[in-house]
Amino acid sequence: EKEQGTANVGSVIVLCGLSGTGKGTTVAKLSEKLSADTEVVCWSNGNIFRSVTLLAATWCEQQPECDGFDPEKALTKENLANFMSMLSFDKFDGKFDTRINGSG
């Protein structure tokens, strides 16, 4: 039941833990349970940020004009859209996780 005056209030849930401890699975279960009762705008996990960082660093290594990591060149709107299109979040080998497809 919603409390009066909370119609525009949101929440952020942060899960922290070691790799392989079930954070992705927990997010998926929470998403399923909460989405039925609530309007959920976005779900993500830290692996997304880590994966985009890896893709950006790899992109820089592949560019002859980049000497090391160059965030101005690597993190353009177009590159970020391309990096995100390479990611999928799903159940792999029985666990929810992020997969990078086609990192070049």
PDB file of N, CA and C in Angstrom:
ATOM      1  N   GLU A   1       0.840  -1.173   0.000  1.00  0.00           N
ATOM      2  CA  GLU A   1       0.000   0.000   0.000  1.00  0.00           C
ATOM      3  C   GLU A   1       0.889   1.241   0.000  1.00  0.00           C
ATOM      4  N   LYS A   2       0.605   2.195  -0.889  1.00  0.00           N
ATOM      5  CA  LYS A   2       1.409   3.410  -0.947  1.00  0.00           C
ATOM      6  C   LYS A   2       1.021   4.354   0.175  1.00  0.00           C
ATOM      7  N   GLU A   3       2.049   4.955   0.746  1.00  0.00           N
ATOM      8  CA  GLU A   3       1.787   5.970   1.761  1.00  0.00           C
ATOM      9  C   GLU A   3       1.378   7.256   1.052  1.00  0.00           C
ATOM     10  N   GLN A   4       0.574   8.036   1.733  1.00  0.00           N
ATOM     11  CA  GLN A   4       0.130   9.291   1.152  1.00  0.00           C
ATOM     12  C   GLN A   4       1.328  10.218   0.955  1.00  0.00           C
ATOM     13  N   GLY A   5       1.407  10.839  -0.217  1.00  0.00           N
ATOM     14  CA  GLY A   5       2.478  11.800  -0.489  1.00  0.00           C
ATOM     15  C   GLY A   5       3.751  11.165  -1.020  1.00  0.00           C
ATOM     16  N   THR A   6       3.745   9.880  -1.362  1.00  0.00           N
ATOM     17  CA  THR A   6       4.962   9.241  -1.858  1.00  0.00           C
ATOM     18  C   THR A   6       4.893   8.884  -3.341  1.00  0.00           C
ATOM     19  N   ALA A   7       3.941   9.454  -4.054  1.00  0.00           N
ATOM     20  CA  ALA A   7       3.755   9.092  -5.463  1.00  0.00           C
ATOM     21  C   ALA A   7       4.996   9.348  -6.312  1.00  0.00           C
ATOM     22  N   ASN A   8       5.776  10.385  -6.026  1.00  0.00           N
ATOM     23  CA  ASN A   8       6.943  10.718  -6.832  1.00  0.00           C
ATOM     24  C   ASN A   8       8.260  10.340  -6.170  1.00  0.00           C
ATOM     25  N   VAL A   9       8.215   9.466  -5.192  1.00  0.00           N
ATOM     26  CA  VAL A   9       9.415   9.054  -4.481  1.00  0.00           C
ATOM     27  C   VAL A   9       9.954   7.774  -5.107  1.00  0.00           C
ATOM     28  N   GLY A  10      11.232   7.731  -5.325  1.00  0.00           N
ATOM     29  CA  GLY A  10      11.860   6.538  -5.887  1.00  0.00           C
ATOM     30  C   GLY A  10      12.793   5.896  -4.897  1.00  0.00           C
ATOM     31  N   SER A  11      13.358   4.808  -5.302  1.00  0.00           N
ATOM     32  CA  SER A  11      14.292   4.077  -4.455  1.00  0.00           C
ATOM     33  C   SER A  11      15.444   3.559  -5.283  1.00  0.00           C
ATOM     34  N   VAL A  12      16.559   3.378  -4.626  1.00  0.00           N
ATOM     35  CA  VAL A  12      17.721   2.748  -5.233  1.00  0.00           C
ATOM     36  C   VAL A  12      18.144   1.627  -4.304  1.00  0.00           C
ATOM     37  N   ILE A  13      18.327   0.456  -4.864  1.00  0.00           N
ATOM     38  CA  ILE A  13      18.804  -0.685  -4.087  1.00  0.00           C
ATOM     39  C   ILE A  13      20.195  -1.014  -4.599  1.00  0.00           C
ATOM     40  N   VAL A  14      21.172  -1.062  -3.706  1.00  0.00           N
ATOM     41  CA  VAL A  14      22.539  -1.379  -4.079  1.00  0.00           C
ATOM     42  C   VAL A  14      22.914  -2.695  -3.412  1.00  0.00           C
ATOM     43  N   LEU A  15      23.371  -3.646  -4.202  1.00  0.00           N
ATOM     44  CA  LEU A  15      23.831  -4.935  -3.689  1.00  0.00           C
ATOM     45  C   LEU A  15      25.333  -5.016  -3.893  1.00  0.00           C
ATOM     46  N   CYS A  16      26.053  -5.337  -2.847  1.00  0.00           N
ATOM     47  CA  CYS A  16      27.502  -5.478  -2.934  1.00  0.00           C
ATOM     48  C   CYS A  16      27.880  -6.895  -2.519  1.00  0.00           C
ATOM     49  N   GLY A  17      28.869  -7.444  -3.155  1.00  0.00           N
ATOM     50  CA  GLY A  17      29.314  -8.778  -2.789  1.00  0.00           C
ATOM     51  C   GLY A  17      30.413  -9.253  -3.715  1.00  0.00           C
ATOM     52  N   LEU A  18      31.045 -10.321  -3.322  1.00  0.00           N
ATOM     53  CA  LEU A  18      32.115 -10.902  -4.118  1.00  0.00           C
ATOM     54  C   LEU A  18      31.562 -11.541  -5.383  1.00  0.00           C
ATOM     55  N   SER A  19      32.421 -11.705  -6.352  1.00  0.00           N
ATOM     56  CA  SER A  19      32.038 -12.328  -7.611  1.00  0.00           C
ATOM     57  C   SER A  19      31.527 -13.741  -7.349  1.00  0.00           C
ATOM     58  N   GLY A  20      30.400 -14.070  -7.987  1.00  0.00           N
ATOM     59  CA  GLY A  20      29.855 -15.416  -7.869  1.00  0.00           C
ATOM     60  C   GLY A  20      29.013 -15.676  -6.641  1.00  0.00           C
ATOM     61  N   THR A  21      28.638 -14.618  -5.911  1.00  0.00           N
ATOM     62  CA  THR A  21      27.865 -14.820  -4.683  1.00  0.00           C
ATOM     63  C   THR A  21      26.368 -14.678  -4.894  1.00  0.00           C
ATOM     64  N   GLY A  22      25.921 -14.458  -6.137  1.00  0.00           N
ATOM     65  CA  GLY A  22      24.494 -14.444  -6.414  1.00  0.00           C
ATOM     66  C   GLY A  22      23.848 -13.076  -6.518  1.00  0.00           C
ATOM     67  N   LYS A  23      24.639 -12.016  -6.716  1.00  0.00           N
ATOM     68  CA  LYS A  23      24.052 -10.677  -6.845  1.00  0.00           C
ATOM     69  C   LYS A  23      23.151 -10.574  -8.073  1.00  0.00           C
ATOM     70  N   GLY A  24      23.604 -11.087  -9.203  1.00  0.00           N
ATOM     71  CA  GLY A  24      22.814 -11.036 -10.423  1.00  0.00           C
ATOM     72  C   GLY A  24      21.521 -11.821 -10.293  1.00  0.00           C
ATOM     73  N   THR A  25      21.603 -12.982  -9.672  1.00  0.00           N
ATOM     74  CA  THR A  25      20.411 -13.798  -9.449  1.00  0.00           C
ATOM     75  C   THR A  25      19.450 -13.078  -8.516  1.00  0.00           C
ATOM     76  N   THR A  26      19.981 -12.442  -7.478  1.00  0.00           N
ATOM     77  CA  THR A  26      19.147 -11.693  -6.534  1.00  0.00           C
ATOM     78  C   THR A  26      18.458 -10.521  -7.229  1.00  0.00           C
ATOM     79  N   VAL A  27      19.186  -9.809  -8.090  1.00  0.00           N
ATOM     80  CA  VAL A  27      18.598  -8.695  -8.835  1.00  0.00           C
ATOM     81  C   VAL A  27      17.450  -9.203  -9.704  1.00  0.00           C
ATOM     82  N   ALA A  28      17.662 -10.318 -10.379  1.00  0.00           N
ATOM     83  CA  ALA A  28      16.610 -10.869 -11.238  1.00  0.00           C
ATOM     84  C   ALA A  28      15.380 -11.252 -10.416  1.00  0.00           C
ATOM     85  N   LYS A  29      15.591 -11.863  -9.263  1.00  0.00           N
ATOM     86  CA  LYS A  29      14.465 -12.251  -8.407  1.00  0.00           C
ATOM     87  C   LYS A  29      13.742 -11.023  -7.858  1.00  0.00           C
ATOM     88  N   LEU A  30      14.501 -10.016  -7.424  1.00  0.00           N
ATOM     89  CA  LEU A  30      13.881  -8.783  -6.945  1.00  0.00           C
ATOM     90  C   LEU A  30      13.106  -8.096  -8.061  1.00  0.00           C
ATOM     91  N   SER A  31      13.686  -8.063  -9.243  1.00  0.00           N
ATOM     92  CA  SER A  31      13.019  -7.449 -10.388  1.00  0.00           C
ATOM     93  C   SER A  31      11.687  -8.124 -10.667  1.00  0.00           C
ATOM     94  N   GLU A  32      11.702  -9.448 -10.679  1.00  0.00           N
ATOM     95  CA  GLU A  32      10.466 -10.192 -10.935  1.00  0.00           C
ATOM     96  C   GLU A  32       9.418  -9.921  -9.864  1.00  0.00           C
ATOM     97  N   LYS A  33       9.838  -9.938  -8.615  1.00  0.00           N
ATOM     98  CA  LYS A  33       8.905  -9.749  -7.499  1.00  0.00           C
ATOM     99  C   LYS A  33       8.391  -8.305  -7.429  1.00  0.00           C
ATOM    100  N   LEU A  34       9.289  -7.327  -7.558  1.00  0.00           N
ATOM    101  CA  LEU A  34       8.899  -5.929  -7.423  1.00  0.00           C
ATOM    102  C   LEU A  34       8.192  -5.389  -8.657  1.00  0.00           C
ATOM    103  N   SER A  35       8.547  -5.873  -9.832  1.00  0.00           N
ATOM    104  CA  SER A  35       7.937  -5.370 -11.062  1.00  0.00           C
ATOM    105  C   SER A  35       6.447  -5.667 -11.122  1.00  0.00           C
ATOM    106  N   ALA A  36       6.021  -6.723 -10.462  1.00  0.00           N
ATOM    107  CA  ALA A  36       4.598  -7.068 -10.458  1.00  0.00           C
ATOM    108  C   ALA A  36       3.784  -6.045  -9.666  1.00  0.00           C
ATOM    109  N   ASP A  37       4.409  -5.442  -8.647  1.00  0.00           N
ATOM    110  CA  ASP A  37       3.699  -4.517  -7.763  1.00  0.00           C
ATOM    111  C   ASP A  37       4.037  -3.050  -7.984  1.00  0.00           C
ATOM    112  N   THR A  38       5.131  -2.778  -8.675  1.00  0.00           N
ATOM    113  CA  THR A  38       5.661  -1.428  -8.738  1.00  0.00           C
ATOM    114  C   THR A  38       6.094  -1.101 -10.165  1.00  0.00           C
ATOM    115  N   GLU A  39       6.127   0.174 -10.476  1.00  0.00           N
ATOM    116  CA  GLU A  39       6.680   0.601 -11.752  1.00  0.00           C
ATOM    117  C   GLU A  39       8.194   0.670 -11.597  1.00  0.00           C
ATOM    118  N   VAL A  40       8.903  -0.199 -12.282  1.00  0.00           N
ATOM    119  CA  VAL A  40      10.355  -0.251 -12.207  1.00  0.00           C
ATOM    120  C   VAL A  40      10.905   0.391 -13.474  1.00  0.00           C
ATOM    121  N   VAL A  41      11.746   1.389 -13.299  1.00  0.00           N
ATOM    122  CA  VAL A  41      12.283   2.122 -14.438  1.00  0.00           C
ATOM    123  C   VAL A  41      13.520   1.448 -15.001  1.00  0.00           C
ATOM    124  N   CYS A  42      14.416   0.983 -14.147  1.00  0.00           N
ATOM    125  CA  CYS A  42      15.685   0.472 -14.630  1.00  0.00           C
ATOM    126  C   CYS A  42      16.278  -0.527 -13.650  1.00  0.00           C
ATOM    127  N   TRP A  43      16.861  -1.576 -14.187  1.00  0.00           N
ATOM    128  CA  TRP A  43      17.633  -2.541 -13.399  1.00  0.00           C
ATOM    129  C   TRP A  43      19.006  -2.639 -14.023  1.00  0.00           C
ATOM    130  N   SER A  44      20.024  -2.748 -13.210  1.00  0.00           N
ATOM    131  CA  SER A  44      21.373  -2.888 -13.715  1.00  0.00           C
ATOM    132  C   SER A  44      22.210  -3.611 -12.677  1.00  0.00           C
ATOM    133  N   ASN A  45      23.417  -3.914 -13.026  1.00  0.00           N
ATOM    134  CA  ASN A  45      24.350  -4.439 -12.042  1.00  0.00           C
ATOM    135  C   ASN A  45      25.739  -3.902 -12.346  1.00  0.00           C
ATOM    136  N   GLY A  46      26.623  -4.030 -11.401  1.00  0.00           N
ATOM    137  CA  GLY A  46      27.968  -3.490 -11.544  1.00  0.00           C
ATOM    138  C   GLY A  46      28.731  -4.081 -12.708  1.00  0.00           C
ATOM    139  N   ASN A  47      28.360  -5.289 -13.123  1.00  0.00           N
ATOM    140  CA  ASN A  47      29.045  -5.909 -14.245  1.00  0.00           C
ATOM    141  C   ASN A  47      28.873  -5.100 -15.527  1.00  0.00           C
ATOM    142  N   ILE A  48      27.773  -4.374 -15.639  1.00  0.00           N
ATOM    143  CA  ILE A  48      27.553  -3.528 -16.819  1.00  0.00           C
ATOM    144  C   ILE A  48      28.646  -2.454 -16.886  1.00  0.00           C
ATOM    145  N   PHE A  49      28.893  -1.785 -15.772  1.00  0.00           N
ATOM    146  CA  PHE A  49      29.899  -0.721 -15.739  1.00  0.00           C
ATOM    147  C   PHE A  49      31.298  -1.284 -15.987  1.00  0.00           C
ATOM    148  N   ARG A  50      31.575  -2.422 -15.389  1.00  0.00           N
ATOM    149  CA  ARG A  50      32.872  -3.071 -15.576  1.00  0.00           C
ATOM    150  C   ARG A  50      33.043  -3.486 -17.041  1.00  0.00           C
ATOM    151  N   SER A  51      31.978  -4.002 -17.649  1.00  0.00           N
ATOM    152  CA  SER A  51      32.041  -4.444 -19.042  1.00  0.00           C
ATOM    153  C   SER A  51      32.243  -3.274 -19.994  1.00  0.00           C
ATOM    154  N   VAL A  52      31.550  -2.165 -19.754  1.00  0.00           N
ATOM    155  CA  VAL A  52      31.723  -0.980 -20.601  1.00  0.00           C
ATOM    156  C   VAL A  52      33.148  -0.440 -20.467  1.00  0.00           C
ATOM    157  N   THR A  53      33.692  -0.466 -19.262  1.00  0.00           N
ATOM    158  CA  THR A  53      35.074  -0.026 -19.056  1.00  0.00           C
ATOM    159  C   THR A  53      36.037  -0.893 -19.858  1.00  0.00           C
ATOM    160  N   LEU A  54      35.830  -2.200 -19.820  1.00  0.00           N
ATOM    161  CA  LEU A  54      36.675  -3.117 -20.593  1.00  0.00           C
ATOM    162  C   LEU A  54      36.553  -2.839 -22.088  1.00  0.00           C
ATOM    163  N   LEU A  55      35.327  -2.648 -22.570  1.00  0.00           N
ATOM    164  CA  LEU A  55      35.129  -2.371 -23.990  1.00  0.00           C
ATOM    165  C   LEU A  55      35.759  -1.044 -24.399  1.00  0.00           C
ATOM    166  N   ALA A  56      35.660  -0.032 -23.558  1.00  0.00           N
ATOM    167  CA  ALA A  56      36.271   1.270 -23.864  1.00  0.00           C
ATOM    168  C   ALA A  56      37.793   1.166 -23.901  1.00  0.00           C
ATOM    169  N   ALA A  57      38.368   0.438 -22.951  1.00  0.00           N
ATOM    170  CA  ALA A  57      39.825   0.262 -22.928  1.00  0.00           C
ATOM    171  C   ALA A  57      40.290  -0.529 -24.153  1.00  0.00           C
ATOM    172  N   THR A  58      39.538  -1.559 -24.520  1.00  0.00           N
ATOM    173  CA  THR A  58      39.866  -2.354 -25.711  1.00  0.00           C
ATOM    174  C   THR A  58      39.769  -1.491 -26.964  1.00  0.00           C
ATOM    175  N   TRP A  59      38.739  -0.647 -27.026  1.00  0.00           N
ATOM    176  CA  TRP A  59      38.577   0.250 -28.168  1.00  0.00           C
ATOM    177  C   TRP A  59      39.806   1.144 -28.303  1.00  0.00           C
ATOM    178  N   CYS A  60      40.273   1.699 -27.191  1.00  0.00           N
ATOM    179  CA  CYS A  60      41.455   2.580 -27.228  1.00  0.00           C
ATOM    180  C   CYS A  60      42.689   1.828 -27.723  1.00  0.00           C
ATOM    181  N   GLU A  61      42.848   0.579 -27.279  1.00  0.00           N
ATOM    182  CA  GLU A  61      43.996  -0.220 -27.728  1.00  0.00           C
ATOM    183  C   GLU A  61      43.976  -0.452 -29.231  1.00  0.00           C
ATOM    184  N   GLN A  62      42.782  -0.471 -29.823  1.00  0.00           N
ATOM    185  CA  GLN A  62      42.641  -0.747 -31.251  1.00  0.00           C
ATOM    186  C   GLN A  62      42.759   0.513 -32.115  1.00  0.00           C
ATOM    187  N   GLN A  63      42.828   1.681 -31.490  1.00  0.00           N
ATOM    188  CA  GLN A  63      42.910   2.942 -32.235  1.00  0.00           C
ATOM    189  C   GLN A  63      44.360   3.412 -32.298  1.00  0.00           C
ATOM    190  N   PRO A  64      44.923   3.527 -33.498  1.00  0.00           N
ATOM    191  CA  PRO A  64      46.330   3.935 -33.621  1.00  0.00           C
ATOM    192  C   PRO A  64      46.605   5.318 -33.019  1.00  0.00           C
ATOM    193  N   GLU A  65      45.602   6.209 -33.030  1.00  0.00           N
ATOM    194  CA  GLU A  65      45.825   7.564 -32.517  1.00  0.00           C
ATOM    195  C   GLU A  65      45.704   7.675 -31.000  1.00  0.00           C
ATOM    196  N   CYS A  66      45.309   6.592 -30.333  1.00  0.00           N
ATOM    197  CA  CYS A  66      45.187   6.607 -28.863  1.00  0.00           C
ATOM    198  C   CYS A  66      46.474   6.114 -28.229  1.00  0.00           C
ATOM    199  N   ASP A  67      46.994   6.899 -27.314  1.00  0.00           N
ATOM    200  CA  ASP A  67      48.173   6.496 -26.550  1.00  0.00           C
ATOM    201  C   ASP A  67      47.705   6.243 -25.122  1.00  0.00           C
ATOM    202  N   GLY A  68      47.268   5.027 -24.850  1.00  0.00           N
ATOM    203  CA  GLY A  68      46.668   4.709 -23.555  1.00  0.00           C
ATOM    204  C   GLY A  68      45.169   4.973 -23.597  1.00  0.00           C
ATOM    205  N   PHE A  69      44.553   4.999 -22.428  1.00  0.00           N
ATOM    206  CA  PHE A  69      43.105   5.212 -22.360  1.00  0.00           C
ATOM    207  C   PHE A  69      42.791   6.688 -22.524  1.00  0.00           C
ATOM    208  N   ASP A  70      41.908   7.003 -23.475  1.00  0.00           N
ATOM    209  CA  ASP A  70      41.502   8.378 -23.738  1.00  0.00           C
ATOM    210  C   ASP A  70      39.979   8.470 -23.605  1.00  0.00           C
ATOM    211  N   PRO A  71      39.487   8.900 -22.424  1.00  0.00           N
ATOM    212  CA  PRO A  71      38.034   8.935 -22.205  1.00  0.00           C
ATOM    213  C   PRO A  71      37.293   9.863 -23.163  1.00  0.00           C
ATOM    214  N   GLU A  72      37.925  10.933 -23.592  1.00  0.00           N
ATOM    215  CA  GLU A  72      37.271  11.862 -24.523  1.00  0.00           C
ATOM    216  C   GLU A  72      36.952  11.182 -25.855  1.00  0.00           C
ATOM    217  N   LYS A  73      37.853  10.326 -26.307  1.00  0.00           N
ATOM    218  CA  LYS A  73      37.644   9.626 -27.573  1.00  0.00           C
ATOM    219  C   LYS A  73      36.818   8.350 -27.386  1.00  0.00           C
ATOM    220  N   ALA A  74      37.051   7.640 -26.314  1.00  0.00           N
ATOM    221  CA  ALA A  74      36.420   6.333 -26.114  1.00  0.00           C
ATOM    222  C   ALA A  74      34.966   6.433 -25.678  1.00  0.00           C
ATOM    223  N   LEU A  75      34.633   7.423 -24.868  1.00  0.00           N
ATOM    224  CA  LEU A  75      33.309   7.481 -24.258  1.00  0.00           C
ATOM    225  C   LEU A  75      32.370   8.460 -24.943  1.00  0.00           C
ATOM    226  N   THR A  76      32.372   8.421 -26.268  1.00  0.00           N
ATOM    227  CA  THR A  76      31.427   9.255 -27.017  1.00  0.00           C
ATOM    228  C   THR A  76      30.036   8.608 -26.953  1.00  0.00           C
ATOM    229  N   LYS A  77      29.033   9.381 -27.287  1.00  0.00           N
ATOM    230  CA  LYS A  77      27.661   8.868 -27.298  1.00  0.00           C
ATOM    231  C   LYS A  77      27.549   7.661 -28.236  1.00  0.00           C
ATOM    232  N   GLU A  78      28.177   7.754 -29.391  1.00  0.00           N
ATOM    233  CA  GLU A  78      28.117   6.672 -30.379  1.00  0.00           C
ATOM    234  C   GLU A  78      28.825   5.419 -29.867  1.00  0.00           C
ATOM    235  N   ASN A  79      30.012   5.592 -29.290  1.00  0.00           N
ATOM    236  CA  ASN A  79      30.744   4.437 -28.776  1.00  0.00           C
ATOM    237  C   ASN A  79      29.990   3.779 -27.621  1.00  0.00           C
ATOM    238  N   LEU A  80      29.438   4.585 -26.709  1.00  0.00           N
ATOM    239  CA  LEU A  80      28.697   4.006 -25.581  1.00  0.00           C
ATOM    240  C   LEU A  80      27.489   3.205 -26.076  1.00  0.00           C
ATOM    241  N   ALA A  81      26.792   3.728 -27.082  1.00  0.00           N
ATOM    242  CA  ALA A  81      25.656   2.994 -27.652  1.00  0.00           C
ATOM    243  C   ALA A  81      26.131   1.679 -28.267  1.00  0.00           C
ATOM    244  N   ASN A  82      27.261   1.720 -28.955  1.00  0.00           N
ATOM    245  CA  ASN A  82      27.822   0.511 -29.552  1.00  0.00           C
ATOM    246  C   ASN A  82      28.230  -0.488 -28.463  1.00  0.00           C
ATOM    247  N   PHE A  83      28.901  -0.005 -27.416  1.00  0.00           N
ATOM    248  CA  PHE A  83      29.321  -0.894 -26.321  1.00  0.00           C
ATOM    249  C   PHE A  83      28.104  -1.551 -25.673  1.00  0.00           C
ATOM    250  N   MET A  84      27.064  -0.759 -25.414  1.00  0.00           N
ATOM    251  CA  MET A  84      25.864  -1.304 -24.769  1.00  0.00           C
ATOM    252  C   MET A  84      25.177  -2.333 -25.657  1.00  0.00           C
ATOM    253  N   SER A  85      25.243  -2.142 -26.975  1.00  0.00           N
ATOM    254  CA  SER A  85      24.618  -3.112 -27.887  1.00  0.00           C
ATOM    255  C   SER A  85      25.357  -4.445 -27.871  1.00  0.00           C
ATOM    256  N   MET A  86      26.582  -4.457 -27.371  1.00  0.00           N
ATOM    257  CA  MET A  86      27.379  -5.677 -27.300  1.00  0.00           C
ATOM    258  C   MET A  86      27.127  -6.466 -26.010  1.00  0.00           C
ATOM    259  N   LEU A  87      26.323  -5.903 -25.104  1.00  0.00           N
ATOM    260  CA  LEU A  87      26.104  -6.544 -23.805  1.00  0.00           C
ATOM    261  C   LEU A  87      24.729  -7.188 -23.736  1.00  0.00           C
ATOM    262  N   SER A  88      24.672  -8.306 -23.052  1.00  0.00           N
ATOM    263  CA  SER A  88      23.384  -8.922 -22.758  1.00  0.00           C
ATOM    264  C   SER A  88      23.400  -9.378 -21.304  1.00  0.00           C
ATOM    265  N   PHE A  89      22.260  -9.214 -20.643  1.00  0.00           N
ATOM    266  CA  PHE A  89      22.106  -9.642 -19.253  1.00  0.00           C
ATOM    267  C   PHE A  89      21.048 -10.725 -19.247  1.00  0.00           C
ATOM    268  N   ASP A  90      21.456 -11.917 -18.852  1.00  0.00           N
ATOM    269  CA  ASP A  90      20.543 -13.053 -18.907  1.00  0.00           C
ATOM    270  C   ASP A  90      21.078 -14.148 -17.993  1.00  0.00           C
ATOM    271  N   LYS A  91      20.435 -15.273 -18.048  1.00  0.00           N
ATOM    272  CA  LYS A  91      20.852 -16.422 -17.257  1.00  0.00           C
ATOM    273  C   LYS A  91      21.814 -17.255 -18.098  1.00  0.00           C
ATOM    274  N   PHE A  92      23.045 -17.393 -17.628  1.00  0.00           N
ATOM    275  CA  PHE A  92      24.066 -18.170 -18.297  1.00  0.00           C
ATOM    276  C   PHE A  92      24.559 -19.232 -17.322  1.00  0.00           C
ATOM    277  N   ASP A  93      24.535 -20.460 -17.745  1.00  0.00           N
ATOM    278  CA  ASP A  93      24.966 -21.576 -16.886  1.00  0.00           C
ATOM    279  C   ASP A  93      24.270 -21.544 -15.532  1.00  0.00           C
ATOM    280  N   GLY A  94      22.988 -21.198 -15.536  1.00  0.00           N
ATOM    281  CA  GLY A  94      22.197 -21.221 -14.307  1.00  0.00           C
ATOM    282  C   GLY A  94      22.310 -19.986 -13.436  1.00  0.00           C
ATOM    283  N   LYS A  95      23.126 -18.998 -13.837  1.00  0.00           N
ATOM    284  CA  LYS A  95      23.291 -17.777 -13.045  1.00  0.00           C
ATOM    285  C   LYS A  95      23.063 -16.564 -13.936  1.00  0.00           C
ATOM    286  N   PHE A  96      22.471 -15.524 -13.365  1.00  0.00           N
ATOM    287  CA  PHE A  96      22.282 -14.273 -14.100  1.00  0.00           C
ATOM    288  C   PHE A  96      23.600 -13.529 -14.137  1.00  0.00           C
ATOM    289  N   ASP A  97      23.953 -13.039 -15.311  1.00  0.00           N
ATOM    290  CA  ASP A  97      25.216 -12.331 -15.460  1.00  0.00           C
ATOM    291  C   ASP A  97      25.175 -11.517 -16.755  1.00  0.00           C
ATOM    292  N   THR A  98      26.252 -10.777 -16.980  1.00  0.00           N
ATOM    293  CA  THR A  98      26.425  -9.967 -18.180  1.00  0.00           C
ATOM    294  C   THR A  98      27.359 -10.691 -19.124  1.00  0.00           C
ATOM    295  N   ARG A  99      27.021 -10.688 -20.409  1.00  0.00           N
ATOM    296  CA  ARG A  99      27.872 -11.310 -21.412  1.00  0.00           C
ATOM    297  C   ARG A  99      28.232 -10.250 -22.449  1.00  0.00           C
ATOM    298  N   ILE A 100      29.509 -10.228 -22.837  1.00  0.00           N
ATOM    299  CA  ILE A 100      29.981  -9.336 -23.902  1.00  0.00           C
ATOM    300  C   ILE A 100      29.989 -10.125 -25.198  1.00  0.00           C
ATOM    301  N   ASN A 101      29.327  -9.601 -26.211  1.00  0.00           N
ATOM    302  CA  ASN A 101      29.258 -10.252 -27.523  1.00  0.00           C
ATOM    303  C   ASN A 101      30.026  -9.429 -28.537  1.00  0.00           C
ATOM    304  N   GLY A 102      31.058  -9.995 -29.149  1.00  0.00           N
ATOM    305  CA  GLY A 102      31.764  -9.331 -30.233  1.00  0.00           C
ATOM    306  C   GLY A 102      32.631  -8.174 -29.821  1.00  0.00           C
ATOM    307  N   SER A 103      33.531  -8.381 -28.888  1.00  0.00           N
ATOM    308  CA  SER A 103      34.380  -7.266 -28.425  1.00  0.00           C
ATOM    309  C   SER A 103      35.485  -6.911 -29.397  1.00  0.00           C
ATOM    310  N   GLY A 104      35.569  -7.606 -30.510  1.00  0.00           N
ATOM    311  CA  GLY A 104      36.543  -7.264 -31.542  1.00  0.00           C
ATOM    312  C   GLY A 104      37.904  -7.704 -31.178  1.00  0.00           C
TER     313      GLY A 104
END
